[in-house]
Amino acid sequence: MKKLSFTKEDGTWYINLWYWIGPKAALAMVAGADDFLDRLTLNGKHATVKVYRKKQPNAIRVQLIEPNKLDNGGDYIIEGPKGYPKKMWLCNVTRVVYCGFMPKELYVINASTK
């Protein structure tokens, strides 16, 4: 399980990775990931999720449907409640978080309320 936190600054969501040494723009959540975080936030500025690689009760399933052919992330489908986006793209920062690969499935639990 990985506990990930995100912060929204000037209308853009960023993942908080203390060990990141690249440009901050590479940490931006875009292409559906931003809409997904908008659904998970309590205050519009912060979101925290617990992400599992194995199925969890009451988790939102996120499944890789197409890895980008340029090794630049991948497209995922979201199996969440009504009102959630249906697709999102996750960039190569996902590879950094998951030690070099794009997970085929993720199970996301909103931890913002706890």
C-alpha atoms as a PDB file:
ATOM      1  CA  MET A   1       0.000   0.000   0.000  1.00  0.00           C
ATOM      2  CA  LYS A   2       1.159   3.490  -0.830  1.00  0.00           C
ATOM      3  CA  LYS A   3      -0.299   6.577   0.794  1.00  0.00           C
ATOM      4  CA  LEU A   4      -0.146   9.446  -1.674  1.00  0.00           C
ATOM      5  CA  SER A   5      -1.033  13.066  -1.086  1.00  0.00           C
ATOM      6  CA  PHE A   6      -1.838  15.804  -3.563  1.00  0.00           C
ATOM      7  CA  THR A   7      -2.102  19.579  -3.347  1.00  0.00           C
ATOM      8  CA  LYS A   8      -3.981  21.928  -5.651  1.00  0.00           C
ATOM      9  CA  GLU A   9      -2.150  25.176  -6.412  1.00  0.00           C
ATOM     10  CA  ASP A  10      -3.494  27.851  -8.761  1.00  0.00           C
ATOM     11  CA  GLY A  11      -6.031  25.396 -10.192  1.00  0.00           C
ATOM     12  CA  THR A  12      -3.523  22.572 -10.835  1.00  0.00           C
ATOM     13  CA  TRP A  13      -3.140  19.362  -8.821  1.00  0.00           C
ATOM     14  CA  TYR A  14       0.382  18.153  -7.951  1.00  0.00           C
ATOM     15  CA  ILE A  15       1.482  14.943  -6.297  1.00  0.00           C
ATOM     16  CA  ASN A  16       3.613  15.549  -3.202  1.00  0.00           C
ATOM     17  CA  LEU A  17       6.858  13.591  -3.619  1.00  0.00           C
ATOM     18  CA  TRP A  18       9.589  14.756  -1.262  1.00  0.00           C
ATOM     19  CA  TYR A  19      12.254  12.824  -3.203  1.00  0.00           C
ATOM     20  CA  TRP A  20      11.434  14.301  -6.629  1.00  0.00           C
ATOM     21  CA  ILE A  21      14.388  16.070  -8.251  1.00  0.00           C
ATOM     22  CA  GLY A  22      12.841  17.004 -11.619  1.00  0.00           C
ATOM     23  CA  PRO A  23      10.698  19.984 -12.596  1.00  0.00           C
ATOM     24  CA  LYS A  24       7.533  20.575 -10.580  1.00  0.00           C
ATOM     25  CA  ALA A  25       5.483  20.652 -13.805  1.00  0.00           C
ATOM     26  CA  ALA A  26       6.189  16.919 -14.215  1.00  0.00           C
ATOM     27  CA  LEU A  27       4.218  16.305 -10.984  1.00  0.00           C
ATOM     28  CA  ALA A  28       1.034  17.918 -12.357  1.00  0.00           C
ATOM     29  CA  MET A  29      -2.096  15.778 -12.482  1.00  0.00           C
ATOM     30  CA  VAL A  30      -3.830  16.271 -15.857  1.00  0.00           C
ATOM     31  CA  ALA A  31      -5.995  14.428 -18.409  1.00  0.00           C
ATOM     32  CA  GLY A  32      -8.616  13.077 -16.006  1.00  0.00           C
ATOM     33  CA  ALA A  33      -6.370  12.583 -12.972  1.00  0.00           C
ATOM     34  CA  ASP A  34      -7.163  16.178 -11.985  1.00  0.00           C
ATOM     35  CA  ASP A  35     -10.915  15.520 -12.255  1.00  0.00           C
ATOM     36  CA  PHE A  36     -10.491  12.332 -10.215  1.00  0.00           C
ATOM     37  CA  LEU A  37      -8.769  14.306  -7.437  1.00  0.00           C
ATOM     38  CA  ASP A  38     -11.491  16.965  -7.560  1.00  0.00           C
ATOM     39  CA  ARG A  39     -13.940  14.188  -6.590  1.00  0.00           C
ATOM     40  CA  LEU A  40     -11.738  13.016  -3.706  1.00  0.00           C
ATOM     41  CA  THR A  41     -10.933  16.319  -2.018  1.00  0.00           C
ATOM     42  CA  LEU A  42     -12.704  17.619   1.059  1.00  0.00           C
ATOM     43  CA  ASN A  43     -11.565  21.209   0.897  1.00  0.00           C
ATOM     44  CA  GLY A  44     -10.631  21.669  -2.758  1.00  0.00           C
ATOM     45  CA  LYS A  45      -6.921  21.972  -1.958  1.00  0.00           C
ATOM     46  CA  HIS A  46      -5.727  18.636  -0.573  1.00  0.00           C
ATOM     47  CA  ALA A  47      -6.431  14.990  -1.297  1.00  0.00           C
ATOM     48  CA  THR A  48      -4.926  11.843   0.179  1.00  0.00           C
ATOM     49  CA  VAL A  49      -5.398   8.327  -1.141  1.00  0.00           C
ATOM     50  CA  LYS A  50      -4.306   4.864  -0.180  1.00  0.00           C
ATOM     51  CA  VAL A  51      -3.360   2.912  -3.283  1.00  0.00           C
ATOM     52  CA  TYR A  52      -3.153  -0.868  -3.327  1.00  0.00           C
ATOM     53  CA  ARG A  53      -2.047  -3.256  -6.058  1.00  0.00           C
ATOM     54  CA  LYS A  54      -4.464  -5.956  -4.868  1.00  0.00           C
ATOM     55  CA  LYS A  55      -8.249  -5.758  -4.684  1.00  0.00           C
ATOM     56  CA  GLN A  56      -9.620  -4.039  -1.586  1.00  0.00           C
ATOM     57  CA  PRO A  57     -13.187  -3.738  -0.294  1.00  0.00           C
ATOM     58  CA  ASN A  58     -14.827  -0.410  -1.205  1.00  0.00           C
ATOM     59  CA  ALA A  59     -11.883   0.639  -3.358  1.00  0.00           C
ATOM     60  CA  ILE A  60     -12.132   2.335  -6.728  1.00  0.00           C
ATOM     61  CA  ARG A  61     -10.555   0.124  -9.369  1.00  0.00           C
ATOM     62  CA  VAL A  62      -8.219   1.820 -11.823  1.00  0.00           C
ATOM     63  CA  GLN A  63      -7.097  -0.399 -14.709  1.00  0.00           C
ATOM     64  CA  LEU A  64      -4.401   0.198 -17.319  1.00  0.00           C
ATOM     65  CA  ILE A  65      -6.001  -0.013 -20.755  1.00  0.00           C
ATOM     66  CA  GLU A  66      -3.213   1.283 -22.941  1.00  0.00           C
ATOM     67  CA  PRO A  67       0.394   1.960 -22.070  1.00  0.00           C
ATOM     68  CA  ASN A  68       1.771   4.869 -24.046  1.00  0.00           C
ATOM     69  CA  LYS A  69       3.979   3.592 -26.842  1.00  0.00           C
ATOM     70  CA  LEU A  70       6.562   6.294 -26.119  1.00  0.00           C
ATOM     71  CA  ASP A  71       7.047   5.084 -22.529  1.00  0.00           C
ATOM     72  CA  ASN A  72       5.333   8.216 -21.333  1.00  0.00           C
ATOM     73  CA  GLY A  73       2.735   6.894 -18.922  1.00  0.00           C
ATOM     74  CA  GLY A  74      -0.503   5.138 -19.712  1.00  0.00           C
ATOM     75  CA  ASP A  75      -4.254   5.446 -20.088  1.00  0.00           C
ATOM     76  CA  TYR A  76      -6.381   4.041 -17.277  1.00  0.00           C
ATOM     77  CA  ILE A  77     -10.096   3.374 -16.939  1.00  0.00           C
ATOM     78  CA  ILE A  78     -11.749   4.239 -13.615  1.00  0.00           C
ATOM     79  CA  GLU A  79     -14.444   1.986 -12.209  1.00  0.00           C
ATOM     80  CA  GLY A  80     -15.804   4.416  -9.664  1.00  0.00           C
ATOM     81  CA  PRO A  81     -19.136   5.731  -8.467  1.00  0.00           C
ATOM     82  CA  LYS A  82     -21.366   7.866 -10.647  1.00  0.00           C
ATOM     83  CA  GLY A  83     -19.878  11.283 -11.267  1.00  0.00           C
ATOM     84  CA  TYR A  84     -16.276  10.114 -11.366  1.00  0.00           C
ATOM     85  CA  PRO A  85     -14.337  10.473 -14.614  1.00  0.00           C
ATOM     86  CA  LYS A  86     -14.212   7.267 -16.636  1.00  0.00           C
ATOM     87  CA  LYS A  87     -10.658   7.626 -17.942  1.00  0.00           C
ATOM     88  CA  MET A  88      -7.419   9.247 -16.905  1.00  0.00           C
ATOM     89  CA  TRP A  89      -3.842   9.356 -18.059  1.00  0.00           C
ATOM     90  CA  LEU A  90      -1.042   8.807 -15.566  1.00  0.00           C
ATOM     91  CA  CYS A  91       2.396  10.066 -16.542  1.00  0.00           C
ATOM     92  CA  ASN A  92       5.819   8.547 -16.022  1.00  0.00           C
ATOM     93  CA  VAL A  93       5.927   9.809 -12.443  1.00  0.00           C
ATOM     94  CA  THR A  94       3.806   6.699 -11.839  1.00  0.00           C
ATOM     95  CA  ARG A  95       6.840   4.678 -12.919  1.00  0.00           C
ATOM     96  CA  VAL A  96       8.927   6.511 -10.315  1.00  0.00           C
ATOM     97  CA  VAL A  97       6.377   5.759  -7.578  1.00  0.00           C
ATOM     98  CA  TYR A  98       6.151   2.091  -8.660  1.00  0.00           C
ATOM     99  CA  CYS A  99       9.880   1.435  -9.207  1.00  0.00           C
ATOM    100  CA  GLY A 100       9.995   1.482 -12.986  1.00  0.00           C
ATOM    101  CA  PHE A 101       6.684   0.149 -14.252  1.00  0.00           C
ATOM    102  CA  MET A 102       3.089   1.134 -14.882  1.00  0.00           C
ATOM    103  CA  PRO A 103       0.811  -1.034 -12.686  1.00  0.00           C
ATOM    104  CA  LYS A 104      -1.887  -2.936 -14.579  1.00  0.00           C
ATOM    105  CA  GLU A 105      -4.401  -2.397 -11.766  1.00  0.00           C
ATOM    106  CA  LEU A 106      -4.637  -0.065  -8.805  1.00  0.00           C
ATOM    107  CA  TYR A 107      -7.241   0.056  -6.055  1.00  0.00           C
ATOM    108  CA  VAL A 108      -7.769   3.524  -4.636  1.00  0.00           C
ATOM    109  CA  ILE A 109      -9.316   4.349  -1.271  1.00  0.00           C
ATOM    110  CA  ASN A 110     -10.025   7.960  -0.402  1.00  0.00           C
ATOM    111  CA  ALA A 111      -8.101   8.716   2.785  1.00  0.00           C
ATOM    112  CA  SER A 112      -8.914  12.443   2.770  1.00  0.00           C
ATOM    113  CA  THR A 113     -11.743  11.912   5.244  1.00  0.00           C
ATOM    114  CA  LYS A 114      -9.568  10.156   7.802  1.00  0.00           C
END
